[in-house]
Amino acid sequence: MRNNGFVFSMDLMLAGMIAFAGILFILYFSSHSVNESMNAFNESSLEKQGIYLADLMVKTSQGNGVAFFDEEKKRVEENLVLEEKLEGFGFKKGKYFVKSIRLMKENSPKEIALSDEEGNCIFIKRFVLLKESMQKAVLGVEFCEK
């Protein structure tokens, strides 16, 4: 009678170890991709909030808005910005805040520092027209998350 039990058990053990290593490999990379997805989600949330605030700034005249309100027409002129409203601008809500605003004109860029806090920041740009000089400019908002 032949005894093949030892060889068979070694083959079975080797196959089991390979299968176990494969499962660990799959679990490791799936958890890594979940972490990357969560980081991307958090980053997109910051971008979404920043874009919302930048749009709110150039399209409204009350609260956080810097757009011009035309008394004759009784409406807000979107993307027509009052430069003096930028000086007193401040925004902080929960974990989000505006660190600085940059007004980039043809002849003279202007930066308004609003906060010294550090955080994860993005820079969002909007094309605007300045009411006083009717000059085209780019309004940049440095939007951050603590």
N, C-alpha and C. Protein backbone atom coordinates (compact mmCIF):
# COMPACT_ATOMS: atom_id res chain seq x y z
N MET A 1 0.83 -1.17 0.00
CA MET A 1 0.00 0.00 0.00
C MET A 1 0.89 1.24 0.00
N ARG A 2 0.51 2.21 -0.87
CA ARG A 2 1.30 3.42 -0.99
C ARG A 2 0.78 4.48 -0.04
N ASN A 3 1.70 5.28 0.46
CA ASN A 3 1.35 6.35 1.39
C ASN A 3 1.59 7.71 0.69
N ASN A 4 0.53 8.30 0.10
CA ASN A 4 0.60 9.61 -0.57
C ASN A 4 0.03 10.72 0.30
N GLY A 5 -0.24 10.48 1.51
CA GLY A 5 -0.86 11.47 2.40
C GLY A 5 0.01 12.68 2.64
N PHE A 6 1.32 12.47 2.85
CA PHE A 6 2.22 13.57 3.14
C PHE A 6 2.35 14.53 1.95
N VAL A 7 2.50 14.03 0.76
CA VAL A 7 2.62 14.85 -0.44
C VAL A 7 1.32 15.59 -0.70
N PHE A 8 0.21 14.91 -0.52
CA PHE A 8 -1.09 15.52 -0.74
C PHE A 8 -1.32 16.66 0.25
N SER A 9 -0.96 16.49 1.51
CA SER A 9 -1.17 17.53 2.52
C SER A 9 -0.25 18.73 2.25
N MET A 10 0.97 18.50 1.75
CA MET A 10 1.86 19.61 1.42
C MET A 10 1.29 20.42 0.24
N ASP A 11 0.77 19.74 -0.78
CA ASP A 11 0.15 20.43 -1.91
C ASP A 11 -1.06 21.25 -1.46
N LEU A 12 -1.86 20.66 -0.59
CA LEU A 12 -3.04 21.35 -0.08
C LEU A 12 -2.64 22.58 0.74
N MET A 13 -1.59 22.44 1.57
CA MET A 13 -1.12 23.55 2.38
C MET A 13 -0.58 24.68 1.49
N LEU A 14 0.18 24.35 0.46
CA LEU A 14 0.72 25.35 -0.45
C LEU A 14 -0.40 26.07 -1.20
N ALA A 15 -1.39 25.32 -1.66
CA ALA A 15 -2.52 25.93 -2.36
C ALA A 15 -3.30 26.85 -1.41
N GLY A 16 -3.46 26.44 -0.17
CA GLY A 16 -4.15 27.27 0.82
C GLY A 16 -3.40 28.56 1.11
N MET A 17 -2.06 28.48 1.19
CA MET A 17 -1.26 29.67 1.45
C MET A 17 -1.34 30.65 0.27
N ILE A 18 -1.33 30.14 -0.94
CA ILE A 18 -1.45 31.00 -2.11
C ILE A 18 -2.82 31.69 -2.14
N ALA A 19 -3.87 30.94 -1.84
CA ALA A 19 -5.21 31.51 -1.81
C ALA A 19 -5.31 32.57 -0.72
N PHE A 20 -4.76 32.31 0.46
CA PHE A 20 -4.79 33.25 1.58
C PHE A 20 -4.02 34.53 1.23
N ALA A 21 -2.85 34.39 0.60
CA ALA A 21 -2.05 35.55 0.18
C ALA A 21 -2.81 36.37 -0.86
N GLY A 22 -3.50 35.70 -1.77
CA GLY A 22 -4.30 36.41 -2.76
C GLY A 22 -5.43 37.21 -2.13
N ILE A 23 -6.09 36.63 -1.15
CA ILE A 23 -7.17 37.33 -0.44
C ILE A 23 -6.62 38.54 0.30
N LEU A 24 -5.47 38.38 0.98
CA LEU A 24 -4.85 39.52 1.67
C LEU A 24 -4.47 40.63 0.69
N PHE A 25 -3.94 40.25 -0.45
CA PHE A 25 -3.55 41.20 -1.48
C PHE A 25 -4.77 42.00 -1.95
N ILE A 26 -5.87 41.31 -2.22
CA ILE A 26 -7.10 41.98 -2.66
C ILE A 26 -7.64 42.90 -1.58
N LEU A 27 -7.65 42.48 -0.34
CA LEU A 27 -8.15 43.31 0.76
C LEU A 27 -7.29 44.56 0.95
N TYR A 28 -5.98 44.41 0.86
CA TYR A 28 -5.09 45.55 1.04
C TYR A 28 -5.34 46.61 -0.03
N PHE A 29 -5.41 46.21 -1.28
CA PHE A 29 -5.59 47.18 -2.35
C PHE A 29 -7.01 47.74 -2.39
N SER A 30 -8.00 46.99 -1.96
CA SER A 30 -9.36 47.55 -1.92
C SER A 30 -9.47 48.58 -0.81
N SER A 31 -8.83 48.36 0.34
CA SER A 31 -8.86 49.38 1.40
C SER A 31 -8.06 50.61 0.99
N HIS A 32 -6.98 50.42 0.24
CA HIS A 32 -6.19 51.55 -0.26
C HIS A 32 -7.03 52.39 -1.22
N SER A 33 -7.79 51.76 -2.10
CA SER A 33 -8.62 52.51 -3.04
C SER A 33 -9.77 53.21 -2.32
N VAL A 34 -10.29 52.64 -1.24
CA VAL A 34 -11.33 53.30 -0.45
C VAL A 34 -10.77 54.57 0.18
N ASN A 35 -9.54 54.50 0.72
CA ASN A 35 -8.92 55.69 1.30
C ASN A 35 -8.71 56.77 0.25
N GLU A 36 -8.27 56.40 -0.94
CA GLU A 36 -8.09 57.37 -2.02
C GLU A 36 -9.43 57.98 -2.41
N SER A 37 -10.48 57.19 -2.45
CA SER A 37 -11.80 57.70 -2.79
C SER A 37 -12.30 58.69 -1.75
N MET A 38 -12.06 58.39 -0.48
CA MET A 38 -12.47 59.31 0.59
C MET A 38 -11.70 60.62 0.51
N ASN A 39 -10.41 60.57 0.22
CA ASN A 39 -9.63 61.79 0.06
C ASN A 39 -10.13 62.61 -1.12
N ALA A 40 -10.45 61.94 -2.22
CA ALA A 40 -10.97 62.63 -3.39
C ALA A 40 -12.34 63.25 -3.08
N PHE A 41 -13.15 62.55 -2.30
CA PHE A 41 -14.46 63.08 -1.92
C PHE A 41 -14.30 64.33 -1.06
N ASN A 42 -13.38 64.30 -0.09
CA ASN A 42 -13.16 65.46 0.76
C ASN A 42 -12.64 66.64 -0.05
N GLU A 43 -11.75 66.37 -0.98
CA GLU A 43 -11.20 67.43 -1.83
C GLU A 43 -12.30 68.02 -2.72
N SER A 44 -13.17 67.17 -3.26
CA SER A 44 -14.24 67.68 -4.11
C SER A 44 -15.25 68.48 -3.29
N SER A 45 -15.42 68.12 -2.02
CA SER A 45 -16.31 68.89 -1.15
C SER A 45 -15.76 70.29 -0.94
N LEU A 46 -14.44 70.41 -0.75
CA LEU A 46 -13.81 71.72 -0.61
C LEU A 46 -13.97 72.52 -1.89
N GLU A 47 -13.76 71.90 -3.03
CA GLU A 47 -13.92 72.58 -4.32
C GLU A 47 -15.36 73.03 -4.52
N LYS A 48 -16.30 72.17 -4.17
CA LYS A 48 -17.71 72.51 -4.35
C LYS A 48 -18.09 73.71 -3.49
N GLN A 49 -17.67 73.72 -2.24
CA GLN A 49 -17.97 74.84 -1.35
C GLN A 49 -17.29 76.13 -1.83
N GLY A 50 -16.04 76.01 -2.31
CA GLY A 50 -15.32 77.17 -2.82
C GLY A 50 -15.97 77.77 -4.05
N ILE A 51 -16.37 76.92 -4.97
CA ILE A 51 -17.03 77.39 -6.19
C ILE A 51 -18.36 78.05 -5.85
N TYR A 52 -19.08 77.46 -4.91
CA TYR A 52 -20.35 78.03 -4.47
C TYR A 52 -20.13 79.44 -3.90
N LEU A 53 -19.11 79.61 -3.05
CA LEU A 53 -18.84 80.91 -2.45
C LEU A 53 -18.41 81.93 -3.51
N ALA A 54 -17.53 81.53 -4.44
CA ALA A 54 -17.08 82.45 -5.49
C ALA A 54 -18.25 82.90 -6.35
N ASP A 55 -19.15 81.99 -6.69
CA ASP A 55 -20.34 82.36 -7.45
C ASP A 55 -21.24 83.29 -6.65
N LEU A 56 -21.39 83.00 -5.37
CA LEU A 56 -22.21 83.83 -4.49
C LEU A 56 -21.65 85.25 -4.42
N MET A 57 -20.33 85.36 -4.37
CA MET A 57 -19.69 86.68 -4.29
C MET A 57 -20.01 87.54 -5.50
N VAL A 58 -19.88 87.00 -6.70
CA VAL A 58 -20.02 87.81 -7.91
C VAL A 58 -21.46 87.92 -8.41
N LYS A 59 -22.39 87.19 -7.81
CA LYS A 59 -23.77 87.21 -8.29
C LYS A 59 -24.76 87.81 -7.32
N THR A 60 -24.32 88.18 -6.10
CA THR A 60 -25.22 88.81 -5.14
C THR A 60 -24.60 90.08 -4.59
N SER A 61 -25.44 90.92 -4.01
CA SER A 61 -24.94 92.18 -3.46
C SER A 61 -25.09 92.24 -1.94
N GLN A 62 -25.82 91.34 -1.35
CA GLN A 62 -26.01 91.36 0.10
C GLN A 62 -25.24 90.24 0.76
N GLY A 63 -25.00 90.37 2.04
CA GLY A 63 -24.28 89.32 2.77
C GLY A 63 -22.85 89.21 2.27
N ASN A 64 -22.52 88.08 1.68
CA ASN A 64 -21.16 87.84 1.18
C ASN A 64 -20.98 88.27 -0.27
N GLY A 65 -21.92 88.98 -0.82
CA GLY A 65 -21.83 89.39 -2.21
C GLY A 65 -21.10 90.70 -2.40
N VAL A 66 -20.41 90.82 -3.52
CA VAL A 66 -19.68 92.05 -3.87
C VAL A 66 -20.17 92.61 -5.21
N ALA A 67 -21.29 92.10 -5.71
CA ALA A 67 -21.82 92.57 -6.99
C ALA A 67 -22.52 93.92 -6.82
N PHE A 68 -22.68 94.63 -7.93
CA PHE A 68 -23.30 95.95 -7.94
C PHE A 68 -24.82 95.81 -7.99
N PHE A 69 -25.52 96.58 -7.13
CA PHE A 69 -26.98 96.61 -7.16
C PHE A 69 -27.42 97.90 -7.86
N ASP A 70 -28.10 97.77 -8.99
CA ASP A 70 -28.56 98.91 -9.76
C ASP A 70 -29.90 99.37 -9.20
N GLU A 71 -29.92 100.57 -8.60
CA GLU A 71 -31.14 101.09 -7.99
C GLU A 71 -32.22 101.39 -9.03
N GLU A 72 -31.82 101.88 -10.21
CA GLU A 72 -32.80 102.19 -11.25
C GLU A 72 -33.54 100.95 -11.73
N LYS A 73 -32.78 99.91 -12.00
CA LYS A 73 -33.37 98.68 -12.52
C LYS A 73 -33.88 97.76 -11.42
N LYS A 74 -33.49 98.07 -10.17
CA LYS A 74 -33.90 97.27 -9.00
C LYS A 74 -33.46 95.81 -9.12
N ARG A 75 -32.20 95.65 -9.55
CA ARG A 75 -31.67 94.29 -9.67
C ARG A 75 -30.15 94.30 -9.50
N VAL A 76 -29.63 93.12 -9.27
CA VAL A 76 -28.18 92.93 -9.12
C VAL A 76 -27.58 92.71 -10.50
N GLU A 77 -26.49 93.41 -10.76
CA GLU A 77 -25.75 93.22 -12.01
C GLU A 77 -24.68 92.17 -11.74
N GLU A 78 -24.92 90.95 -12.19
CA GLU A 78 -23.98 89.85 -11.95
C GLU A 78 -22.64 90.12 -12.62
N ASN A 79 -21.58 89.75 -11.95
CA ASN A 79 -20.19 89.87 -12.43
C ASN A 79 -19.74 91.32 -12.59
N LEU A 80 -20.53 92.28 -12.16
CA LEU A 80 -20.14 93.68 -12.12
C LEU A 80 -19.84 93.98 -10.65
N VAL A 81 -18.56 94.10 -10.32
CA VAL A 81 -18.12 94.09 -8.92
C VAL A 81 -17.75 95.49 -8.45
N LEU A 82 -18.12 95.77 -7.20
CA LEU A 82 -17.68 96.99 -6.53
C LEU A 82 -16.39 96.69 -5.78
N GLU A 83 -15.33 97.36 -6.19
CA GLU A 83 -14.01 97.06 -5.63
C GLU A 83 -13.94 97.36 -4.13
N GLU A 84 -14.65 98.40 -3.66
CA GLU A 84 -14.58 98.75 -2.24
C GLU A 84 -15.22 97.69 -1.34
N LYS A 85 -16.14 96.89 -1.89
CA LYS A 85 -16.75 95.82 -1.09
C LYS A 85 -15.75 94.70 -0.79
N LEU A 86 -14.72 94.58 -1.62
CA LEU A 86 -13.72 93.53 -1.40
C LEU A 86 -12.89 93.81 -0.15
N GLU A 87 -12.68 95.09 0.16
CA GLU A 87 -11.85 95.47 1.31
C GLU A 87 -12.44 94.95 2.62
N GLY A 88 -13.74 95.04 2.76
CA GLY A 88 -14.38 94.63 4.01
C GLY A 88 -14.90 93.21 3.99
N PHE A 89 -14.52 92.46 2.98
CA PHE A 89 -15.05 91.10 2.84
C PHE A 89 -14.44 90.17 3.88
N GLY A 90 -15.24 89.33 4.44
CA GLY A 90 -14.76 88.32 5.36
C GLY A 90 -15.72 87.15 5.36
N PHE A 91 -15.17 85.96 5.36
CA PHE A 91 -16.02 84.78 5.36
C PHE A 91 -15.38 83.70 6.21
N LYS A 92 -16.15 83.20 7.16
CA LYS A 92 -15.72 82.06 7.98
C LYS A 92 -16.99 81.35 8.42
N LYS A 93 -17.10 80.09 8.03
CA LYS A 93 -18.28 79.31 8.39
C LYS A 93 -17.86 77.88 8.67
N GLY A 94 -17.99 77.48 9.91
CA GLY A 94 -17.58 76.13 10.29
C GLY A 94 -16.09 75.93 10.07
N LYS A 95 -15.75 74.93 9.29
CA LYS A 95 -14.34 74.65 9.02
C LYS A 95 -13.82 75.35 7.77
N TYR A 96 -14.66 76.13 7.08
CA TYR A 96 -14.27 76.82 5.85
C TYR A 96 -14.02 78.30 6.12
N PHE A 97 -13.04 78.87 5.42
CA PHE A 97 -12.76 80.30 5.53
C PHE A 97 -12.05 80.78 4.27
N VAL A 98 -12.10 82.10 4.05
CA VAL A 98 -11.39 82.71 2.93
C VAL A 98 -10.10 83.30 3.46
N LYS A 99 -8.99 82.84 2.92
CA LYS A 99 -7.68 83.29 3.37
C LYS A 99 -7.28 84.60 2.71
N SER A 100 -7.52 84.73 1.42
CA SER A 100 -7.18 85.97 0.72
C SER A 100 -8.02 86.11 -0.54
N ILE A 101 -8.05 87.34 -1.05
CA ILE A 101 -8.72 87.65 -2.30
C ILE A 101 -7.70 88.38 -3.17
N ARG A 102 -7.63 88.00 -4.43
CA ARG A 102 -6.74 88.68 -5.37
C ARG A 102 -7.58 89.23 -6.52
N LEU A 103 -7.35 90.50 -6.80
CA LEU A 103 -8.01 91.15 -7.92
C LEU A 103 -6.93 91.44 -8.95
N MET A 104 -6.95 90.68 -10.03
CA MET A 104 -5.90 90.79 -11.04
C MET A 104 -6.41 91.61 -12.22
N LYS A 105 -5.96 92.88 -12.25
CA LYS A 105 -6.30 93.79 -13.34
C LYS A 105 -5.15 93.82 -14.33
N GLU A 106 -5.37 94.45 -15.46
CA GLU A 106 -4.32 94.53 -16.48
C GLU A 106 -3.07 95.22 -15.96
N ASN A 107 -3.25 96.36 -15.31
CA ASN A 107 -2.09 97.17 -14.94
C ASN A 107 -1.64 97.00 -13.50
N SER A 108 -2.52 96.56 -12.60
CA SER A 108 -2.10 96.48 -11.19
C SER A 108 -2.85 95.39 -10.44
N PRO A 109 -2.17 94.28 -10.18
CA PRO A 109 -2.81 93.25 -9.34
C PRO A 109 -2.89 93.73 -7.90
N LYS A 110 -3.90 93.28 -7.21
CA LYS A 110 -4.13 93.70 -5.83
C LYS A 110 -4.48 92.47 -5.00
N GLU A 111 -3.82 92.32 -3.84
CA GLU A 111 -4.11 91.19 -2.96
C GLU A 111 -4.61 91.72 -1.63
N ILE A 112 -5.68 91.12 -1.16
CA ILE A 112 -6.26 91.48 0.13
C ILE A 112 -6.15 90.25 1.02
N ALA A 113 -5.28 90.32 2.03
CA ALA A 113 -5.12 89.20 2.96
C ALA A 113 -6.20 89.33 4.03
N LEU A 114 -6.92 88.25 4.25
CA LEU A 114 -8.02 88.28 5.19
C LEU A 114 -7.77 87.43 6.43
N SER A 115 -6.93 86.42 6.32
CA SER A 115 -6.73 85.50 7.43
C SER A 115 -5.30 84.97 7.42
N ASP A 116 -4.77 84.74 8.62
CA ASP A 116 -3.45 84.14 8.76
C ASP A 116 -3.52 82.65 9.06
N GLU A 117 -4.73 82.12 9.12
CA GLU A 117 -4.90 80.70 9.45
C GLU A 117 -4.34 79.83 8.34
N GLU A 118 -3.91 78.64 8.72
CA GLU A 118 -3.41 77.66 7.76
C GLU A 118 -4.45 76.56 7.57
N GLY A 119 -4.41 75.94 6.42
CA GLY A 119 -5.32 74.84 6.15
C GLY A 119 -5.13 74.33 4.74
N ASN A 120 -5.98 73.43 4.34
CA ASN A 120 -5.99 72.88 2.98
C ASN A 120 -6.71 73.90 2.10
N CYS A 121 -6.01 74.53 1.15
CA CYS A 121 -6.57 75.64 0.39
C CYS A 121 -6.62 75.35 -1.11
N ILE A 122 -7.59 75.95 -1.76
CA ILE A 122 -7.68 75.94 -3.21
C ILE A 122 -7.86 77.39 -3.67
N PHE A 123 -7.55 77.65 -4.92
CA PHE A 123 -7.66 78.99 -5.48
C PHE A 123 -8.67 78.95 -6.62
N ILE A 124 -9.72 79.77 -6.52
CA ILE A 124 -10.79 79.76 -7.50
C ILE A 124 -10.84 81.14 -8.17
N LYS A 125 -10.96 81.15 -9.49
CA LYS A 125 -10.97 82.40 -10.25
C LYS A 125 -12.33 82.63 -10.90
N ARG A 126 -12.72 83.91 -10.95
CA ARG A 126 -13.94 84.33 -11.65
C ARG A 126 -13.62 85.58 -12.45
N PHE A 127 -14.08 85.63 -13.68
CA PHE A 127 -13.93 86.83 -14.49
C PHE A 127 -15.00 87.83 -14.08
N VAL A 128 -14.58 89.08 -13.86
CA VAL A 128 -15.51 90.12 -13.43
C VAL A 128 -15.23 91.41 -14.20
N LEU A 129 -16.15 92.34 -14.06
CA LEU A 129 -16.01 93.67 -14.61
C LEU A 129 -16.09 94.64 -13.44
N LEU A 130 -15.12 95.53 -13.30
CA LEU A 130 -15.10 96.47 -12.19
C LEU A 130 -16.02 97.65 -12.49
N LYS A 131 -16.90 97.98 -11.57
CA LYS A 131 -17.91 99.02 -11.78
C LYS A 131 -17.28 100.39 -11.98
N GLU A 132 -16.29 100.73 -11.15
CA GLU A 132 -15.72 102.07 -11.17
C GLU A 132 -15.05 102.39 -12.51
N SER A 133 -14.24 101.49 -13.03
CA SER A 133 -13.46 101.76 -14.24
C SER A 133 -13.95 100.99 -15.46
N MET A 134 -14.95 100.13 -15.28
CA MET A 134 -15.45 99.25 -16.34
C MET A 134 -14.30 98.47 -16.97
N GLN A 135 -13.36 98.06 -16.14
CA GLN A 135 -12.18 97.33 -16.57
C GLN A 135 -12.39 95.85 -16.28
N LYS A 136 -11.94 95.00 -17.20
CA LYS A 136 -12.02 93.56 -16.99
C LYS A 136 -10.96 93.15 -15.98
N ALA A 137 -11.31 92.17 -15.16
CA ALA A 137 -10.37 91.68 -14.15
C ALA A 137 -10.70 90.23 -13.82
N VAL A 138 -9.78 89.62 -13.12
CA VAL A 138 -10.00 88.26 -12.61
C VAL A 138 -10.01 88.34 -11.10
N LEU A 139 -11.09 87.86 -10.51
CA LEU A 139 -11.23 87.82 -9.06
C LEU A 139 -10.82 86.44 -8.59
N GLY A 140 -9.79 86.36 -7.78
CA GLY A 140 -9.31 85.08 -7.27
C GLY A 140 -9.61 84.97 -5.79
N VAL A 141 -10.17 83.86 -5.38
CA VAL A 141 -10.50 83.63 -3.98
C VAL A 141 -9.72 82.42 -3.50
N GLU A 142 -8.92 82.61 -2.44
CA GLU A 142 -8.20 81.50 -1.82
C GLU A 142 -9.09 80.97 -0.70
N PHE A 143 -9.71 79.83 -0.95
CA PHE A 143 -10.71 79.24 -0.06
C PHE A 143 -10.07 78.06 0.66
N CYS A 144 -10.23 78.02 1.98
CA CYS A 144 -9.51 77.01 2.77
C CYS A 144 -10.45 76.25 3.70
N GLU A 145 -9.93 75.09 4.12
CA GLU A 145 -10.60 74.23 5.09
C GLU A 145 -9.59 73.93 6.19
N LYS A 146 -10.04 74.09 7.44
CA LYS A 146 -9.13 73.81 8.57
C LYS A 146 -8.83 72.35 8.67
